[in-house]
C-alpha atoms as a PDB file:
ATOM      1  CA  MET A   1       3.761  10.713  17.593  1.00  0.00           C
ATOM      2  CA  GLN A   2       5.562   7.433  16.831  1.00  0.00           C
ATOM      3  CA  THR A   3       3.945   5.169  14.262  1.00  0.00           C
ATOM      4  CA  THR A   4       3.753   1.492  14.832  1.00  0.00           C
ATOM      5  CA  ARG A   5       5.443  -1.089  12.686  1.00  0.00           C
ATOM      6  CA  ASN A   6       3.709  -4.219  11.649  1.00  0.00           C
ATOM      7  CA  PHE A   7       4.184  -7.870  10.581  1.00  0.00           C
ATOM      8  CA  SER A   8       1.885  -8.959   7.555  1.00  0.00           C
ATOM      9  CA  GLY A   9      -0.847  -6.328   8.956  1.00  0.00           C
ATOM     10  CA  TYR A  10      -0.214  -7.480  12.612  1.00  0.00           C
ATOM     11  CA  SER A  11       0.725  -4.620  14.773  1.00  0.00           C
ATOM     12  CA  LEU A  12       3.857  -4.489  16.890  1.00  0.00           C
ATOM     13  CA  PHE A  13       2.328  -1.919  19.298  1.00  0.00           C
ATOM     14  CA  ASP A  14       5.343   0.329  19.268  1.00  0.00           C
ATOM     15  CA  ASP A  15       3.239   3.308  19.972  1.00  0.00           C
ATOM     16  CA  ILE A  16       1.785   1.990  23.278  1.00  0.00           C
ATOM     17  CA  GLU A  17       3.559   3.544  26.084  1.00  0.00           C
ATOM     18  CA  ASP A  18       2.255   1.274  28.803  1.00  0.00           C
ATOM     19  CA  GLY A  19       4.708  -1.692  28.960  1.00  0.00           C
ATOM     20  CA  ALA A  20       2.288  -4.141  30.381  1.00  0.00           C
ATOM     21  CA  LEU A  21      -0.356  -3.375  27.821  1.00  0.00           C
ATOM     22  CA  GLN A  22       2.190  -3.448  25.039  1.00  0.00           C
ATOM     23  CA  ALA A  23       3.268  -6.984  26.117  1.00  0.00           C
ATOM     24  CA  ARG A  24      -0.198  -8.227  26.556  1.00  0.00           C
ATOM     25  CA  ASN A  25      -1.273  -6.915  23.121  1.00  0.00           C
ATOM     26  CA  ARG A  26       2.072  -8.464  21.562  1.00  0.00           C
ATOM     27  CA  ALA A  27       1.399 -11.822  23.240  1.00  0.00           C
ATOM     28  CA  VAL A  28      -2.188 -12.017  22.002  1.00  0.00           C
ATOM     29  CA  VAL A  29      -1.080 -11.257  18.380  1.00  0.00           C
ATOM     30  CA  CYS A  30       1.790 -14.049  18.862  1.00  0.00           C
ATOM     31  CA  ARG A  31      -1.039 -16.495  19.548  1.00  0.00           C
ATOM     32  CA  ASN A  32      -3.292 -14.914  16.586  1.00  0.00           C
ATOM     33  CA  VAL A  33      -0.216 -15.417  14.264  1.00  0.00           C
ATOM     34  CA  THR A  34       0.467 -18.662  15.284  1.00  0.00           C
ATOM     35  CA  GLU A  35      -3.187 -19.784  14.720  1.00  0.00           C
ATOM     36  CA  ASP A  36      -3.439 -17.969  11.244  1.00  0.00           C
ATOM     37  CA  MET A  37       0.107 -18.518   9.827  1.00  0.00           C
ATOM     38  CA  GLY A  38       1.932 -21.046  12.026  1.00  0.00           C
ATOM     39  CA  SER A  39       4.675 -20.987  14.447  1.00  0.00           C
ATOM     40  CA  VAL A  40       7.391 -19.916  11.841  1.00  0.00           C
ATOM     41  CA  ALA A  41       5.572 -16.843  11.279  1.00  0.00           C
ATOM     42  CA  CYS A  42       5.248 -16.302  15.162  1.00  0.00           C
ATOM     43  CA  LYS A  43       8.823 -16.597  15.442  1.00  0.00           C
ATOM     44  CA  GLU A  44       9.337 -14.050  12.684  1.00  0.00           C
ATOM     45  CA  TYR A  45       6.772 -11.611  14.469  1.00  0.00           C
ATOM     46  CA  PHE A  46       8.493 -12.342  17.951  1.00  0.00           C
ATOM     47  CA  ASN A  47      11.932 -11.506  16.485  1.00  0.00           C
ATOM     48  CA  LEU A  48      10.807  -8.033  15.409  1.00  0.00           C
ATOM     49  CA  ILE A  49      10.143  -7.154  19.090  1.00  0.00           C
ATOM     50  CA  PRO A  50      12.917  -5.377  20.658  1.00  0.00           C
ATOM     51  CA  LYS A  51      14.949  -7.779  23.018  1.00  0.00           C
ATOM     52  CA  ASP A  52      13.905  -5.971  26.185  1.00  0.00           C
ATOM     53  CA  GLY A  53      10.313  -6.438  25.292  1.00  0.00           C
ATOM     54  CA  GLN A  54      10.438 -10.143  24.558  1.00  0.00           C
ATOM     55  CA  MET A  55      10.839 -11.440  28.003  1.00  0.00           C
ATOM     56  CA  ALA A  56       7.631  -9.359  28.925  1.00  0.00           C
ATOM     57  CA  VAL A  57       5.848 -10.891  26.059  1.00  0.00           C
ATOM     58  CA  ILE A  58       6.959 -14.511  27.202  1.00  0.00           C
ATOM     59  CA  GLY A  59       5.564 -13.664  30.751  1.00  0.00           C
ATOM     60  CA  GLN A  60       2.176 -12.565  29.287  1.00  0.00           C
ATOM     61  CA  LEU A  61       2.064 -15.756  26.965  1.00  0.00           C
ATOM     62  CA  GLN A  62       2.506 -17.896  30.108  1.00  0.00           C
ATOM     63  CA  ARG A  63      -0.381 -16.139  31.845  1.00  0.00           C
ATOM     64  CA  ILE A  64      -2.532 -16.490  28.603  1.00  0.00           C
ATOM     65  CA  CYS A  65      -1.642 -20.203  28.328  1.00  0.00           C
ATOM     66  CA  GLY A  66      -2.358 -20.794  32.159  1.00  0.00           C
ATOM     67  CA  MET A  67       1.125 -21.563  32.836  1.00  0.00           C
ATOM     68  CA  VAL A  68       1.472 -19.382  35.731  1.00  0.00           C
END
């Protein structure tokens, strides 16, 4: 079983196998990190996400923000 990494206590959800659920969770955490710690911290969190997962997170953020 893979253990998940975290950023200042915020999970990166590495242990979630469902890609859509993983991206949604990460997107919600991006929003929470931004609210709690600011945009610089959100960027640091986002940069810990593997490159192949970052686009999925962006897509989820667009949905959360009502941009699509």
